[in-house]
Amino acid sequence: MESASTETGQVDAQSEEWFASYAEPAKQPSNRQHRRNRHRRTRDPRRQRRDRLHTAMMIASVLFVGAMTACFYAVLTR
């Protein structure tokens, strides 16, 4: 059980200056503009090649794990 605090919070002058000097965030772009910028894609051939390589490696790793699992169960059930 906690007792109610009767102390008042004290803010030092340096903290007060820092909060006063802290800039307000810039106005966010409208929702439509934000969505348009977010979904813009660049047609970088290096990026496309890298993405295809990542996809191929992911498929290869899934197939490899499946093959290893099949071999494990084949040996296990003999």
C-alpha atoms as a PDB file:
ATOM      1  CA  MET A   1       0.000   0.000   0.000  1.00  0.00           C
ATOM      2  CA  GLU A   2       1.405   3.380  -1.020  1.00  0.00           C
ATOM      3  CA  SER A   3       0.935   6.593   0.880  1.00  0.00           C
ATOM      4  CA  ALA A   4      -0.253   9.667  -0.973  1.00  0.00           C
ATOM      5  CA  SER A   5       2.574  12.007  -1.865  1.00  0.00           C
ATOM      6  CA  THR A   6       2.336  15.572  -0.584  1.00  0.00           C
ATOM      7  CA  GLU A   7       5.451  16.776  -2.424  1.00  0.00           C
ATOM      8  CA  THR A   8       5.140  18.965  -5.488  1.00  0.00           C
ATOM      9  CA  GLY A   9       7.311  18.326  -8.532  1.00  0.00           C
ATOM     10  CA  GLN A  10      10.175  20.714  -9.157  1.00  0.00           C
ATOM     11  CA  VAL A  11      11.471  21.463 -12.645  1.00  0.00           C
ATOM     12  CA  ASP A  12      14.906  23.004 -12.911  1.00  0.00           C
ATOM     13  CA  ALA A  13      15.529  25.966 -15.196  1.00  0.00           C
ATOM     14  CA  GLN A  14      17.683  23.985 -17.631  1.00  0.00           C
ATOM     15  CA  SER A  15      14.917  21.453 -18.239  1.00  0.00           C
ATOM     16  CA  GLU A  16      12.416  24.238 -18.680  1.00  0.00           C
ATOM     17  CA  GLU A  17      14.648  25.891 -21.302  1.00  0.00           C
ATOM     18  CA  TRP A  18      15.105  22.589 -23.125  1.00  0.00           C
ATOM     19  CA  PHE A  19      11.367  21.959 -23.308  1.00  0.00           C
ATOM     20  CA  ALA A  20      10.740  25.542 -24.400  1.00  0.00           C
ATOM     21  CA  SER A  21      13.338  25.284 -27.187  1.00  0.00           C
ATOM     22  CA  TYR A  22      12.089  21.909 -28.416  1.00  0.00           C
ATOM     23  CA  ALA A  23      10.630  22.480 -31.877  1.00  0.00           C
ATOM     24  CA  GLU A  24       7.148  21.331 -32.701  1.00  0.00           C
ATOM     25  CA  PRO A  25       7.114  18.543 -35.319  1.00  0.00           C
ATOM     26  CA  ALA A  26       6.491  19.696 -38.856  1.00  0.00           C
ATOM     27  CA  LYS A  27       2.986  19.282 -40.203  1.00  0.00           C
ATOM     28  CA  GLN A  28       2.519  15.779 -41.587  1.00  0.00           C
ATOM     29  CA  PRO A  29       1.681  15.502 -45.300  1.00  0.00           C
ATOM     30  CA  SER A  30      -1.900  14.775 -46.142  1.00  0.00           C
ATOM     31  CA  ASN A  31      -2.957  11.144 -46.080  1.00  0.00           C
ATOM     32  CA  ARG A  32      -3.236  10.959 -49.870  1.00  0.00           C
ATOM     33  CA  GLN A  33       0.248  12.375 -50.422  1.00  0.00           C
ATOM     34  CA  HIS A  34       1.738  10.127 -47.745  1.00  0.00           C
ATOM     35  CA  ARG A  35       0.197   7.042 -49.343  1.00  0.00           C
ATOM     36  CA  ARG A  36       1.449   8.042 -52.805  1.00  0.00           C
ATOM     37  CA  ASN A  37       5.028   8.499 -51.572  1.00  0.00           C
ATOM     38  CA  ARG A  38       5.020   5.295 -49.564  1.00  0.00           C
ATOM     39  CA  HIS A  39       3.961   3.089 -52.485  1.00  0.00           C
ATOM     40  CA  ARG A  40       6.244   4.590 -55.108  1.00  0.00           C
ATOM     41  CA  ARG A  41       8.637   1.883 -56.304  1.00  0.00           C
ATOM     42  CA  THR A  42      11.904   2.384 -58.077  1.00  0.00           C
ATOM     43  CA  ARG A  43      12.776   0.045 -60.912  1.00  0.00           C
ATOM     44  CA  ASP A  44      16.325  -0.642 -59.822  1.00  0.00           C
ATOM     45  CA  PRO A  45      17.605  -3.748 -61.678  1.00  0.00           C
ATOM     46  CA  ARG A  46      20.059  -4.542 -58.873  1.00  0.00           C
ATOM     47  CA  ARG A  47      17.236  -4.515 -56.338  1.00  0.00           C
ATOM     48  CA  GLN A  48      15.068  -6.750 -58.531  1.00  0.00           C
ATOM     49  CA  ARG A  49      17.951  -9.201 -58.952  1.00  0.00           C
ATOM     50  CA  ARG A  50      18.568  -9.193 -55.197  1.00  0.00           C
ATOM     51  CA  ASP A  51      14.872  -9.781 -54.468  1.00  0.00           C
ATOM     52  CA  ARG A  52      14.765 -12.700 -56.930  1.00  0.00           C
ATOM     53  CA  LEU A  53      17.882 -14.169 -55.344  1.00  0.00           C
ATOM     54  CA  HIS A  54      16.328 -13.878 -51.872  1.00  0.00           C
ATOM     55  CA  THR A  55      13.154 -15.565 -53.092  1.00  0.00           C
ATOM     56  CA  ALA A  56      15.102 -18.391 -54.758  1.00  0.00           C
ATOM     57  CA  MET A  57      17.217 -18.919 -51.637  1.00  0.00           C
ATOM     58  CA  MET A  58      14.098 -19.031 -49.452  1.00  0.00           C
ATOM     59  CA  ILE A  59      12.476 -21.652 -51.696  1.00  0.00           C
ATOM     60  CA  ALA A  60      15.721 -23.662 -51.811  1.00  0.00           C
ATOM     61  CA  SER A  61      16.044 -23.600 -48.031  1.00  0.00           C
ATOM     62  CA  VAL A  62      12.440 -24.767 -47.550  1.00  0.00           C
ATOM     63  CA  LEU A  63      12.997 -27.614 -50.021  1.00  0.00           C
ATOM     64  CA  PHE A  64      16.289 -28.547 -48.336  1.00  0.00           C
ATOM     65  CA  VAL A  65      14.708 -28.673 -44.889  1.00  0.00           C
ATOM     66  CA  GLY A  66      11.846 -30.772 -46.296  1.00  0.00           C
ATOM     67  CA  ALA A  67      14.283 -33.210 -47.914  1.00  0.00           C
ATOM     68  CA  MET A  68      16.348 -33.497 -44.741  1.00  0.00           C
ATOM     69  CA  THR A  69      13.183 -34.127 -42.704  1.00  0.00           C
ATOM     70  CA  ALA A  70      12.078 -36.829 -45.148  1.00  0.00           C
ATOM     71  CA  CYS A  71      15.491 -38.520 -44.925  1.00  0.00           C
ATOM     72  CA  PHE A  72      15.420 -38.325 -41.128  1.00  0.00           C
ATOM     73  CA  TYR A  73      12.008 -39.978 -40.928  1.00  0.00           C
ATOM     74  CA  ALA A  74      12.983 -42.603 -43.547  1.00  0.00           C
ATOM     75  CA  VAL A  75      16.026 -43.590 -41.457  1.00  0.00           C
ATOM     76  CA  LEU A  76      14.063 -43.347 -38.205  1.00  0.00           C
ATOM     77  CA  THR A  77      11.255 -45.669 -39.346  1.00  0.00           C
ATOM     78  CA  ARG A  78      13.513 -48.452 -40.704  1.00  0.00           C
END
